[in-house]
mmCIF file of all heavy atoms, coordinates in Angstrom:
data_MODEL
# 
_entry.id   MODEL 
# 
loop_
_atom_site.group_PDB 
_atom_site.id 
_atom_site.type_symbol 
_atom_site.label_atom_id 
_atom_site.label_alt_id 
_atom_site.label_comp_id 
_atom_site.label_asym_id 
_atom_site.label_entity_id 
_atom_site.label_seq_id 
_atom_site.pdbx_PDB_ins_code 
_atom_site.Cartn_x 
_atom_site.Cartn_y 
_atom_site.Cartn_z 
_atom_site.occupancy 
_atom_site.B_iso_or_equiv 
_atom_site.pdbx_formal_charge 
_atom_site.auth_seq_id 
_atom_site.auth_comp_id 
_atom_site.auth_asym_id 
_atom_site.auth_atom_id 
_atom_site.pdbx_PDB_model_num 
ATOM 1   N N   . SER A 1 1  ? 0.796   -1.240 0.000   1.00 0.00 ? 1  SER A N   1 
ATOM 2   C CA  . SER A 1 1  ? 0.000   0.000  0.000   1.00 0.00 ? 1  SER A CA  1 
ATOM 3   C C   . SER A 1 1  ? 0.821   1.279  0.000   1.00 0.00 ? 1  SER A C   1 
ATOM 4   O O   . SER A 1 1  ? 0.272   2.351  0.214   1.00 0.00 ? 1  SER A O   1 
ATOM 5   C CB  . SER A 1 1  ? -0.907  0.019  1.244   1.00 0.00 ? 1  SER A CB  1 
ATOM 6   O OG  . SER A 1 1  ? -1.610  -1.183 1.379   1.00 0.00 ? 1  SER A OG  1 
ATOM 7   N N   . ARG A 1 2  ? 2.121   1.178  -0.177  1.00 0.00 ? 2  ARG A N   1 
ATOM 8   C CA  . ARG A 1 2  ? 2.964   2.389  -0.138  1.00 0.00 ? 2  ARG A CA  1 
ATOM 9   C C   . ARG A 1 2  ? 2.410   3.440  -1.102  1.00 0.00 ? 2  ARG A C   1 
ATOM 10  O O   . ARG A 1 2  ? 2.136   3.158  -2.259  1.00 0.00 ? 2  ARG A O   1 
ATOM 11  C CB  . ARG A 1 2  ? 4.395   2.044  -0.512  1.00 0.00 ? 2  ARG A CB  1 
ATOM 12  C CG  . ARG A 1 2  ? 5.305   3.260  -0.641  1.00 0.00 ? 2  ARG A CG  1 
ATOM 13  C CD  . ARG A 1 2  ? 6.740   2.863  -0.888  1.00 0.00 ? 2  ARG A CD  1 
ATOM 14  N NE  . ARG A 1 2  ? 7.349   2.382  0.352   1.00 0.00 ? 2  ARG A NE  1 
ATOM 15  C CZ  . ARG A 1 2  ? 7.907   3.169  1.261   1.00 0.00 ? 2  ARG A CZ  1 
ATOM 16  N NH1 . ARG A 1 2  ? 7.901   4.480  1.091   1.00 0.00 ? 2  ARG A NH1 1 
ATOM 17  N NH2 . ARG A 1 2  ? 8.449   2.662  2.349   1.00 0.00 ? 2  ARG A NH2 1 
ATOM 18  N N   . GLY A 1 3  ? 2.241   4.638  -0.594  1.00 0.00 ? 3  GLY A N   1 
ATOM 19  C CA  . GLY A 1 3  ? 1.732   5.722  -1.438  1.00 0.00 ? 3  GLY A CA  1 
ATOM 20  C C   . GLY A 1 3  ? 0.224   5.883  -1.388  1.00 0.00 ? 3  GLY A C   1 
ATOM 21  O O   . GLY A 1 3  ? -0.316  6.834  -1.937  1.00 0.00 ? 3  GLY A O   1 
ATOM 22  N N   . GLY A 1 4  ? -0.466  4.957  -0.701  1.00 0.00 ? 4  GLY A N   1 
ATOM 23  C CA  . GLY A 1 4  ? -1.918  5.081  -0.590  1.00 0.00 ? 4  GLY A CA  1 
ATOM 24  C C   . GLY A 1 4  ? -2.683  4.273  -1.617  1.00 0.00 ? 4  GLY A C   1 
ATOM 25  O O   . GLY A 1 4  ? -2.113  3.474  -2.357  1.00 0.00 ? 4  GLY A O   1 
ATOM 26  N N   . SER A 1 5  ? -3.984  4.510  -1.682  1.00 0.00 ? 5  SER A N   1 
ATOM 27  C CA  . SER A 1 5  ? -4.876  3.728  -2.541  1.00 0.00 ? 5  SER A CA  1 
ATOM 28  C C   . SER A 1 5  ? -4.674  4.039  -4.013  1.00 0.00 ? 5  SER A C   1 
ATOM 29  O O   . SER A 1 5  ? -4.097  5.068  -4.389  1.00 0.00 ? 5  SER A O   1 
ATOM 30  C CB  . SER A 1 5  ? -6.339  4.030  -2.193  1.00 0.00 ? 5  SER A CB  1 
ATOM 31  O OG  . SER A 1 5  ? -6.635  3.656  -0.879  1.00 0.00 ? 5  SER A OG  1 
ATOM 32  N N   . LEU A 1 6  ? -5.181  3.153  -4.856  1.00 0.00 ? 6  LEU A N   1 
ATOM 33  C CA  . LEU A 1 6  ? -5.249  3.412  -6.288  1.00 0.00 ? 6  LEU A CA  1 
ATOM 34  C C   . LEU A 1 6  ? -6.125  4.632  -6.524  1.00 0.00 ? 6  LEU A C   1 
ATOM 35  O O   . LEU A 1 6  ? -7.060  4.896  -5.763  1.00 0.00 ? 6  LEU A O   1 
ATOM 36  C CB  . LEU A 1 6  ? -5.858  2.201  -7.016  1.00 0.00 ? 6  LEU A CB  1 
ATOM 37  C CG  . LEU A 1 6  ? -5.094  0.871  -6.920  1.00 0.00 ? 6  LEU A CG  1 
ATOM 38  C CD1 . LEU A 1 6  ? -5.951  -0.239 -7.501  1.00 0.00 ? 6  LEU A CD1 1 
ATOM 39  C CD2 . LEU A 1 6  ? -3.769  0.957  -7.651  1.00 0.00 ? 6  LEU A CD2 1 
ATOM 40  N N   . GLU A 1 7  ? -5.830  5.373  -7.589  1.00 0.00 ? 7  GLU A N   1 
ATOM 41  C CA  . GLU A 1 7  ? -6.583  6.602  -7.876  1.00 0.00 ? 7  GLU A CA  1 
ATOM 42  C C   . GLU A 1 7  ? -8.075  6.334  -8.040  1.00 0.00 ? 7  GLU A C   1 
ATOM 43  O O   . GLU A 1 7  ? -8.910  7.108  -7.593  1.00 0.00 ? 7  GLU A O   1 
ATOM 44  C CB  . GLU A 1 7  ? -6.025  7.273  -9.137  1.00 0.00 ? 7  GLU A CB  1 
ATOM 45  C CG  . GLU A 1 7  ? -4.641  7.868  -8.968  1.00 0.00 ? 7  GLU A CG  1 
ATOM 46  C CD  . GLU A 1 7  ? -4.591  8.920  -7.864  1.00 0.00 ? 7  GLU A CD  1 
ATOM 47  O OE1 . GLU A 1 7  ? -5.540  9.735  -7.775  1.00 0.00 ? 7  GLU A OE1 1 
ATOM 48  O OE2 . GLU A 1 7  ? -3.614  8.929  -7.093  1.00 0.00 ? 7  GLU A OE2 1 
ATOM 49  N N   . ILE A 1 8  ? -8.418  5.227  -8.691  1.00 0.00 ? 8  ILE A N   1 
ATOM 50  C CA  . ILE A 1 8  ? -9.830  4.908  -8.928  1.00 0.00 ? 8  ILE A CA  1 
ATOM 51  C C   . ILE A 1 8  ? -10.548 4.621  -7.602  1.00 0.00 ? 8  ILE A C   1 
ATOM 52  O O   . ILE A 1 8  ? -11.723 4.933  -7.425  1.00 0.00 ? 8  ILE A O   1 
ATOM 53  C CB  . ILE A 1 8  ? -9.975  3.716  -9.904  1.00 0.00 ? 8  ILE A CB  1 
ATOM 54  C CG1 . ILE A 1 8  ? -11.397 3.611  -10.442 1.00 0.00 ? 8  ILE A CG1 1 
ATOM 55  C CG2 . ILE A 1 8  ? -9.515  2.409  -9.284  1.00 0.00 ? 8  ILE A CG2 1 
ATOM 56  C CD1 . ILE A 1 8  ? -11.773 4.673  -11.424 1.00 0.00 ? 8  ILE A CD1 1 
ATOM 57  N N   . VAL A 1 9  ? -9.818  4.045  -6.632  1.00 0.00 ? 9  VAL A N   1 
ATOM 58  C CA  . VAL A 1 9  ? -10.392 3.775  -5.309  1.00 0.00 ? 9  VAL A CA  1 
ATOM 59  C C   . VAL A 1 9  ? -10.568 5.076  -4.542  1.00 0.00 ? 9  VAL A C   1 
ATOM 60  O O   . VAL A 1 9  ? -11.575 5.283  -3.861  1.00 0.00 ? 9  VAL A O   1 
ATOM 61  C CB  . VAL A 1 9  ? -9.514  2.779  -4.520  1.00 0.00 ? 9  VAL A CB  1 
ATOM 62  C CG1 . VAL A 1 9  ? -10.037 2.613  -3.092  1.00 0.00 ? 9  VAL A CG1 1 
ATOM 63  C CG2 . VAL A 1 9  ? -9.459  1.437  -5.229  1.00 0.00 ? 9  VAL A CG2 1 
ATOM 64  N N   . LYS A 1 10 ? -9.573  5.969  -4.656  1.00 0.00 ? 10 LYS A N   1 
ATOM 65  C CA  . LYS A 1 10 ? -9.687  7.271  -3.992  1.00 0.00 ? 10 LYS A CA  1 
ATOM 66  C C   . LYS A 1 10 ? -10.919 8.026  -4.495  1.00 0.00 ? 10 LYS A C   1 
ATOM 67  O O   . LYS A 1 10 ? -11.645 8.656  -3.729  1.00 0.00 ? 10 LYS A O   1 
ATOM 68  C CB  . LYS A 1 10 ? -8.440  8.118  -4.266  1.00 0.00 ? 10 LYS A CB  1 
ATOM 69  C CG  . LYS A 1 10 ? -7.188  7.652  -3.557  1.00 0.00 ? 10 LYS A CG  1 
ATOM 70  C CD  . LYS A 1 10 ? -6.023  8.548  -3.936  1.00 0.00 ? 10 LYS A CD  1 
ATOM 71  C CE  . LYS A 1 10 ? -4.728  8.062  -3.318  1.00 0.00 ? 10 LYS A CE  1 
ATOM 72  N NZ  . LYS A 1 10 ? -3.570  8.876  -3.764  1.00 0.00 ? 10 LYS A NZ  1 
ATOM 73  N N   . LYS A 1 11 ? -11.144 7.938  -5.806  1.00 0.00 ? 11 LYS A N   1 
ATOM 74  C CA  . LYS A 1 11 ? -12.247 8.676  -6.416  1.00 0.00 ? 11 LYS A CA  1 
ATOM 75  C C   . LYS A 1 11 ? -13.587 8.222  -5.864  1.00 0.00 ? 11 LYS A C   1 
ATOM 76  O O   . LYS A 1 11 ? -14.497 9.017  -5.658  1.00 0.00 ? 11 LYS A O   1 
ATOM 77  C CB  . LYS A 1 11 ? -12.211 8.496  -7.929  1.00 0.00 ? 11 LYS A CB  1 
ATOM 78  C CG  . LYS A 1 11 ? -13.273 9.305  -8.669  1.00 0.00 ? 11 LYS A CG  1 
ATOM 79  C CD  . LYS A 1 11 ? -13.061 9.247  -10.158 1.00 0.00 ? 11 LYS A CD  1 
ATOM 80  C CE  . LYS A 1 11 ? -14.097 10.082 -10.876 1.00 0.00 ? 11 LYS A CE  1 
ATOM 81  N NZ  . LYS A 1 11 ? -13.880 10.105 -12.331 1.00 0.00 ? 11 LYS A NZ  1 
ATOM 82  N N   . TYR A 1 12 ? -13.719 6.907  -5.610  1.00 0.00 ? 12 TYR A N   1 
ATOM 83  C CA  . TYR A 1 12 ? -14.985 6.357  -5.119  1.00 0.00 ? 12 TYR A CA  1 
ATOM 84  C C   . TYR A 1 12 ? -14.833 5.832  -3.693  1.00 0.00 ? 12 TYR A C   1 
ATOM 85  O O   . TYR A 1 12 ? -15.417 4.817  -3.327  1.00 0.00 ? 12 TYR A O   1 
ATOM 86  C CB  . TYR A 1 12 ? -15.469 5.248  -6.054  1.00 0.00 ? 12 TYR A CB  1 
ATOM 87  C CG  . TYR A 1 12 ? -15.721 5.738  -7.468  1.00 0.00 ? 12 TYR A CG  1 
ATOM 88  C CD1 . TYR A 1 12 ? -14.835 5.444  -8.495  1.00 0.00 ? 12 TYR A CD1 1 
ATOM 89  C CD2 . TYR A 1 12 ? -16.839 6.523  -7.766  1.00 0.00 ? 12 TYR A CD2 1 
ATOM 90  C CE1 . TYR A 1 12 ? -15.055 5.910  -9.784  1.00 0.00 ? 12 TYR A CE1 1 
ATOM 91  C CE2 . TYR A 1 12 ? -17.065 6.991  -9.049  1.00 0.00 ? 12 TYR A CE2 1 
ATOM 92  C CZ  . TYR A 1 12 ? -16.170 6.682  -10.058 1.00 0.00 ? 12 TYR A CZ  1 
ATOM 93  O OH  . TYR A 1 12 ? -16.398 7.151  -11.328 1.00 0.00 ? 12 TYR A OH  1 
ATOM 94  N N   . SER A 1 13 ? -14.019 6.530  -2.904  1.00 0.00 ? 13 SER A N   1 
ATOM 95  C CA  . SER A 1 13 ? -13.697 6.073  -1.548  1.00 0.00 ? 13 SER A CA  1 
ATOM 96  C C   . SER A 1 13 ? -14.930 5.922  -0.657  1.00 0.00 ? 13 SER A C   1 
ATOM 97  O O   . SER A 1 13 ? -14.917 5.141  0.302   1.00 0.00 ? 13 SER A O   1 
ATOM 98  C CB  . SER A 1 13 ? -12.694 7.025  -0.888  1.00 0.00 ? 13 SER A CB  1 
ATOM 99  O OG  . SER A 1 13 ? -13.228 8.340  -0.835  1.00 0.00 ? 13 SER A OG  1 
ATOM 100 N N   . ASP A 1 14 ? -16.011 6.660  -0.937  1.00 0.00 ? 14 ASP A N   1 
ATOM 101 C CA  . ASP A 1 14 ? -17.225 6.550  -0.126  1.00 0.00 ? 14 ASP A CA  1 
ATOM 102 C C   . ASP A 1 14 ? -17.843 5.154  -0.214  1.00 0.00 ? 14 ASP A C   1 
ATOM 103 O O   . ASP A 1 14 ? -18.648 4.776  0.645   1.00 0.00 ? 14 ASP A O   1 
ATOM 104 C CB  . ASP A 1 14 ? -18.273 7.582  -0.572  1.00 0.00 ? 14 ASP A CB  1 
ATOM 105 C CG  . ASP A 1 14 ? -17.885 8.993  -0.160  1.00 0.00 ? 14 ASP A CG  1 
ATOM 106 O OD1 . ASP A 1 14 ? -16.951 9.130  0.651   1.00 0.00 ? 14 ASP A OD1 1 
ATOM 107 O OD2 . ASP A 1 14 ? -18.510 9.952  -0.650  1.00 0.00 ? 14 ASP A OD2 1 
ATOM 108 N N   . PHE A 1 15 ? -17.484 4.415  -1.254  1.00 0.00 ? 15 PHE A N   1 
ATOM 109 C CA  . PHE A 1 15 ? -18.070 3.093  -1.456  1.00 0.00 ? 15 PHE A CA  1 
ATOM 110 C C   . PHE A 1 15 ? -17.132 1.971  -1.019  1.00 0.00 ? 15 PHE A C   1 
ATOM 111 O O   . PHE A 1 15 ? -17.430 0.797  -1.223  1.00 0.00 ? 15 PHE A O   1 
ATOM 112 C CB  . PHE A 1 15 ? -18.438 2.901  -2.935  1.00 0.00 ? 15 PHE A CB  1 
ATOM 113 C CG  . PHE A 1 15 ? -19.381 3.938  -3.455  1.00 0.00 ? 15 PHE A CG  1 
ATOM 114 C CD1 . PHE A 1 15 ? -18.930 4.965  -4.266  1.00 0.00 ? 15 PHE A CD1 1 
ATOM 115 C CD2 . PHE A 1 15 ? -20.730 3.912  -3.100  1.00 0.00 ? 15 PHE A CD2 1 
ATOM 116 C CE1 . PHE A 1 15 ? -19.806 5.943  -4.740  1.00 0.00 ? 15 PHE A CE1 1 
ATOM 117 C CE2 . PHE A 1 15 ? -21.607 4.891  -3.559  1.00 0.00 ? 15 PHE A CE2 1 
ATOM 118 C CZ  . PHE A 1 15 ? -21.142 5.901  -4.387  1.00 0.00 ? 15 PHE A CZ  1 
ATOM 119 N N   . PHE A 1 16 ? -15.975 2.333  -0.436  1.00 0.00 ? 16 PHE A N   1 
ATOM 120 C CA  . PHE A 1 16 ? -14.997 1.325  -0.033  1.00 0.00 ? 16 PHE A CA  1 
ATOM 121 C C   . PHE A 1 16 ? -14.649 1.427  1.445   1.00 0.00 ? 16 PHE A C   1 
ATOM 122 O O   . PHE A 1 16 ? -14.482 2.524  1.978   1.00 0.00 ? 16 PHE A O   1 
ATOM 123 C CB  . PHE A 1 16 ? -13.690 1.479  -0.835  1.00 0.00 ? 16 PHE A CB  1 
ATOM 124 C CG  . PHE A 1 16 ? -13.781 1.042  -2.262  1.00 0.00 ? 16 PHE A CG  1 
ATOM 125 C CD1 . PHE A 1 16 ? -13.881 1.989  -3.272  1.00 0.00 ? 16 PHE A CD1 1 
ATOM 126 C CD2 . PHE A 1 16 ? -13.762 -0.305 -2.601  1.00 0.00 ? 16 PHE A CD2 1 
ATOM 127 C CE1 . PHE A 1 16 ? -13.959 1.599  -4.602  1.00 0.00 ? 16 PHE A CE1 1 
ATOM 128 C CE2 . PHE A 1 16 ? -13.836 -0.704 -3.926  1.00 0.00 ? 16 PHE A CE2 1 
ATOM 129 C CZ  . PHE A 1 16 ? -13.934 0.248  -4.927  1.00 0.00 ? 16 PHE A CZ  1 
ATOM 130 N N   . GLU A 1 17 ? -14.546 0.285  2.081   1.00 0.00 ? 17 GLU A N   1 
ATOM 131 C CA  . GLU A 1 17 ? -13.937 0.164  3.407   1.00 0.00 ? 17 GLU A CA  1 
ATOM 132 C C   . GLU A 1 17 ? -12.569 -0.447 3.146   1.00 0.00 ? 17 GLU A C   1 
ATOM 133 O O   . GLU A 1 17 ? -12.450 -1.653 2.885   1.00 0.00 ? 17 GLU A O   1 
ATOM 134 C CB  . GLU A 1 17 ? -14.772 -0.746 4.298   1.00 0.00 ? 17 GLU A CB  1 
ATOM 135 C CG  . GLU A 1 17 ? -14.274 -0.877 5.731   1.00 0.00 ? 17 GLU A CG  1 
ATOM 136 C CD  . GLU A 1 17 ? -14.444 0.416  6.522   1.00 0.00 ? 17 GLU A CD  1 
ATOM 137 O OE1 . GLU A 1 17 ? -15.498 1.061  6.380   1.00 0.00 ? 17 GLU A OE1 1 
ATOM 138 O OE2 . GLU A 1 17 ? -13.511 0.769  7.263   1.00 0.00 ? 17 GLU A OE2 1 
ATOM 139 N N   . THR A 1 18 ? -11.529 0.378  3.178   1.00 0.00 ? 18 THR A N   1 
ATOM 140 C CA  . THR A 1 18 ? -10.207 -0.068 2.729   1.00 0.00 ? 18 THR A CA  1 
ATOM 141 C C   . THR A 1 18 ? -9.305  -0.472 3.890   1.00 0.00 ? 18 THR A C   1 
ATOM 142 O O   . THR A 1 18 ? -9.175  0.250  4.870   1.00 0.00 ? 18 THR A O   1 
ATOM 143 C CB  . THR A 1 18 ? -9.514  1.031  1.893   1.00 0.00 ? 18 THR A CB  1 
ATOM 144 O OG1 . THR A 1 18 ? -10.313 1.315  0.746   1.00 0.00 ? 18 THR A OG1 1 
ATOM 145 C CG2 . THR A 1 18 ? -8.142  0.587  1.432   1.00 0.00 ? 18 THR A CG2 1 
ATOM 146 N N   . ILE A 1 19 ? -8.683  -1.639 3.733   1.00 0.00 ? 19 ILE A N   1 
ATOM 147 C CA  . ILE A 1 19 ? -7.688  -2.130 4.689   1.00 0.00 ? 19 ILE A CA  1 
ATOM 148 C C   . ILE A 1 19 ? -6.345  -2.137 3.965   1.00 0.00 ? 19 ILE A C   1 
ATOM 149 O O   . ILE A 1 19 ? -6.223  -2.709 2.879   1.00 0.00 ? 19 ILE A O   1 
ATOM 150 C CB  . ILE A 1 19 ? -8.017  -3.559 5.170   1.00 0.00 ? 19 ILE A CB  1 
ATOM 151 C CG1 . ILE A 1 19 ? -9.418  -3.600 5.783   1.00 0.00 ? 19 ILE A CG1 1 
ATOM 152 C CG2 . ILE A 1 19 ? -6.965  -4.054 6.164   1.00 0.00 ? 19 ILE A CG2 1 
ATOM 153 C CD1 . ILE A 1 19 ? -9.970  -5.008 5.913   1.00 0.00 ? 19 ILE A CD1 1 
ATOM 154 N N   . MET A 1 20 ? -5.358  -1.491 4.542   1.00 0.00 ? 20 MET A N   1 
ATOM 155 C CA  . MET A 1 20 ? -4.038  -1.410 3.934   1.00 0.00 ? 20 MET A CA  1 
ATOM 156 C C   . MET A 1 20 ? -3.100  -2.455 4.532   1.00 0.00 ? 20 MET A C   1 
ATOM 157 O O   . MET A 1 20 ? -3.177  -2.739 5.731   1.00 0.00 ? 20 MET A O   1 
ATOM 158 C CB  . MET A 1 20 ? -3.436  -0.019 4.144   1.00 0.00 ? 20 MET A CB  1 
ATOM 159 C CG  . MET A 1 20 ? -4.230  1.108  3.503   1.00 0.00 ? 20 MET A CG  1 
ATOM 160 S SD  . MET A 1 20 ? -4.207  0.955  1.710   1.00 0.00 ? 20 MET A SD  1 
ATOM 161 C CE  . MET A 1 20 ? -4.550  2.644  1.230   1.00 0.00 ? 20 MET A CE  1 
ATOM 162 N N   . CYS A 1 21 ? -2.223  -2.982 3.709   1.00 0.00 ? 21 CYS A N   1 
ATOM 163 C CA  . CYS A 1 21 ? -1.179  -3.895 4.193   1.00 0.00 ? 21 CYS A CA  1 
ATOM 164 C C   . CYS A 1 21 ? 0.173   -3.356 3.741   1.00 0.00 ? 21 CYS A C   1 
ATOM 165 O O   . CYS A 1 21 ? 0.462   -3.312 2.550   1.00 0.00 ? 21 CYS A O   1 
ATOM 166 C CB  . CYS A 1 21 ? -1.405  -5.304 3.640   1.00 0.00 ? 21 CYS A CB  1 
ATOM 167 S SG  . CYS A 1 21 ? -0.122  -6.461 4.188   1.00 0.00 ? 21 CYS A SG  1 
ATOM 168 N N   . GLU A 1 22 ? 0.965   -2.911 4.708   1.00 0.00 ? 22 GLU A N   1 
ATOM 169 C CA  . GLU A 1 22 ? 2.271   -2.317 4.403   1.00 0.00 ? 22 GLU A CA  1 
ATOM 170 C C   . GLU A 1 22 ? 3.248   -2.634 5.534   1.00 0.00 ? 22 GLU A C   1 
ATOM 171 O O   . GLU A 1 22 ? 3.098   -2.143 6.650   1.00 0.00 ? 22 GLU A O   1 
ATOM 172 C CB  . GLU A 1 22 ? 2.128   -0.795 4.242   1.00 0.00 ? 22 GLU A CB  1 
ATOM 173 C CG  . GLU A 1 22 ? 3.423   -0.063 3.996   1.00 0.00 ? 22 GLU A CG  1 
ATOM 174 C CD  . GLU A 1 22 ? 4.219   -0.645 2.853   1.00 0.00 ? 22 GLU A CD  1 
ATOM 175 O OE1 . GLU A 1 22 ? 3.684   -0.728 1.723   1.00 0.00 ? 22 GLU A OE1 1 
ATOM 176 O OE2 . GLU A 1 22 ? 5.386   -1.023 3.083   1.00 0.00 ? 22 GLU A OE2 1 
ATOM 177 N N   . PRO A 1 23 ? 4.258   -3.505 5.279   1.00 0.00 ? 23 PRO A N   1 
ATOM 178 C CA  . PRO A 1 23 ? 5.169   -3.926 6.351   1.00 0.00 ? 23 PRO A CA  1 
ATOM 179 C C   . PRO A 1 23 ? 6.197   -2.879 6.775   1.00 0.00 ? 23 PRO A C   1 
ATOM 180 O O   . PRO A 1 23 ? 6.769   -2.978 7.858   1.00 0.00 ? 23 PRO A O   1 
ATOM 181 C CB  . PRO A 1 23 ? 5.869   -5.154 5.746   1.00 0.00 ? 23 PRO A CB  1 
ATOM 182 C CG  . PRO A 1 23 ? 5.764   -4.974 4.278   1.00 0.00 ? 23 PRO A CG  1 
ATOM 183 C CD  . PRO A 1 23 ? 4.488   -4.233 4.030   1.00 0.00 ? 23 PRO A CD  1 
ATOM 184 N N   . GLU A 1 24 ? 6.450   -1.882 5.925   1.00 0.00 ? 24 GLU A N   1 
ATOM 185 C CA  . GLU A 1 24 ? 7.438   -0.862 6.271   1.00 0.00 ? 24 GLU A CA  1 
ATOM 186 C C   . GLU A 1 24 ? 6.837   0.054  7.352   1.00 0.00 ? 24 GLU A C   1 
ATOM 187 O O   . GLU A 1 24 ? 5.791   0.658  7.168   1.00 0.00 ? 24 GLU A O   1 
ATOM 188 C CB  . GLU A 1 24 ? 7.796   -0.077 5.014   1.00 0.00 ? 24 GLU A CB  1 
ATOM 189 C CG  . GLU A 1 24 ? 9.151   0.620  5.076   1.00 0.00 ? 24 GLU A CG  1 
ATOM 190 C CD  . GLU A 1 24 ? 9.046   1.955  5.783   1.00 0.00 ? 24 GLU A CD  1 
ATOM 191 O OE1 . GLU A 1 24 ? 8.190   2.774  5.403   1.00 0.00 ? 24 GLU A OE1 1 
ATOM 192 O OE2 . GLU A 1 24 ? 9.815   2.168  6.737   1.00 0.00 ? 24 GLU A OE2 1 
ATOM 193 N N   . LYS A 1 25 ? 7.492   0.148  8.499   1.00 0.00 ? 25 LYS A N   1 
ATOM 194 C CA  . LYS A 1 25 ? 6.902   0.760  9.693   1.00 0.00 ? 25 LYS A CA  1 
ATOM 195 C C   . LYS A 1 25 ? 6.488   2.213  9.495   1.00 0.00 ? 25 LYS A C   1 
ATOM 196 O O   . LYS A 1 25 ? 5.379   2.615  9.878   1.00 0.00 ? 25 LYS A O   1 
ATOM 197 C CB  . LYS A 1 25 ? 7.875   0.651  10.877  1.00 0.00 ? 25 LYS A CB  1 
ATOM 198 C CG  . LYS A 1 25 ? 8.020   -0.776 11.396  1.00 0.00 ? 25 LYS A CG  1 
ATOM 199 C CD  . LYS A 1 25 ? 8.927   -0.852 12.606  1.00 0.00 ? 25 LYS A CD  1 
ATOM 200 C CE  . LYS A 1 25 ? 9.034   -2.296 13.104  1.00 0.00 ? 25 LYS A CE  1 
ATOM 201 N NZ  . LYS A 1 25 ? 9.937   -2.406 14.274  1.00 0.00 ? 25 LYS A NZ  1 
ATOM 202 N N   . GLU A 1 26 ? 7.383   3.022  8.915   1.00 0.00 ? 26 GLU A N   1 
ATOM 203 C CA  . GLU A 1 26 ? 7.061   4.439  8.736   1.00 0.00 ? 26 GLU A CA  1 
ATOM 204 C C   . GLU A 1 26 ? 5.851   4.629  7.836   1.00 0.00 ? 26 GLU A C   1 
ATOM 205 O O   . GLU A 1 26 ? 4.951   5.419  8.120   1.00 0.00 ? 26 GLU A O   1 
ATOM 206 C CB  . GLU A 1 26 ? 8.274   5.168  8.124   1.00 0.00 ? 26 GLU A CB  1 
ATOM 207 C CG  . GLU A 1 26 ? 8.994   6.059  9.126   1.00 0.00 ? 26 GLU A CG  1 
ATOM 208 C CD  . GLU A 1 26 ? 10.139  6.810  8.488   1.00 0.00 ? 26 GLU A CD  1 
ATOM 209 O OE1 . GLU A 1 26 ? 9.889   7.660  7.607   1.00 0.00 ? 26 GLU A OE1 1 
ATOM 210 O OE2 . GLU A 1 26 ? 11.287  6.538  8.885   1.00 0.00 ? 26 GLU A OE2 1 
ATOM 211 N N   . GLU A 1 27 ? 5.848   3.890  6.745   1.00 0.00 ? 27 GLU A N   1 
ATOM 212 C CA  . GLU A 1 27 ? 4.741   4.004  5.793   1.00 0.00 ? 27 GLU A CA  1 
ATOM 213 C C   . GLU A 1 27 ? 3.441   3.489  6.410   1.00 0.00 ? 27 GLU A C   1 
ATOM 214 O O   . GLU A 1 27 ? 2.374   4.070  6.205   1.00 0.00 ? 27 GLU A O   1 
ATOM 215 C CB  . GLU A 1 27 ? 5.062   3.218  4.515   1.00 0.00 ? 27 GLU A CB  1 
ATOM 216 C CG  . GLU A 1 27 ? 4.060   3.384  3.401   1.00 0.00 ? 27 GLU A CG  1 
ATOM 217 C CD  . GLU A 1 27 ? 3.988   4.797  2.852   1.00 0.00 ? 27 GLU A CD  1 
ATOM 218 O OE1 . GLU A 1 27 ? 4.945   5.566  3.040   1.00 0.00 ? 27 GLU A OE1 1 
ATOM 219 O OE2 . GLU A 1 27 ? 2.946   5.131  2.228   1.00 0.00 ? 27 GLU A OE2 1 
ATOM 220 N N   . ALA A 1 28 ? 3.523   2.412  7.194   1.00 0.00 ? 28 ALA A N   1 
ATOM 221 C CA  . ALA A 1 28 ? 2.336   1.873  7.878   1.00 0.00 ? 28 ALA A CA  1 
ATOM 222 C C   . ALA A 1 28 ? 1.762   2.918  8.837   1.00 0.00 ? 28 ALA A C   1 
ATOM 223 O O   . ALA A 1 28 ? 0.537   3.090  8.921   1.00 0.00 ? 28 ALA A O   1 
ATOM 224 C CB  . ALA A 1 28 ? 2.699   0.590  8.632   1.00 0.00 ? 28 ALA A CB  1 
# 
């Protein structure tokens, strides 16, 4: 998930419950 969601997901974020998986501590 580094950098955040896909642009298309950001655009319709109201319709998504997003769970991120990112092992790098700072980015998490």
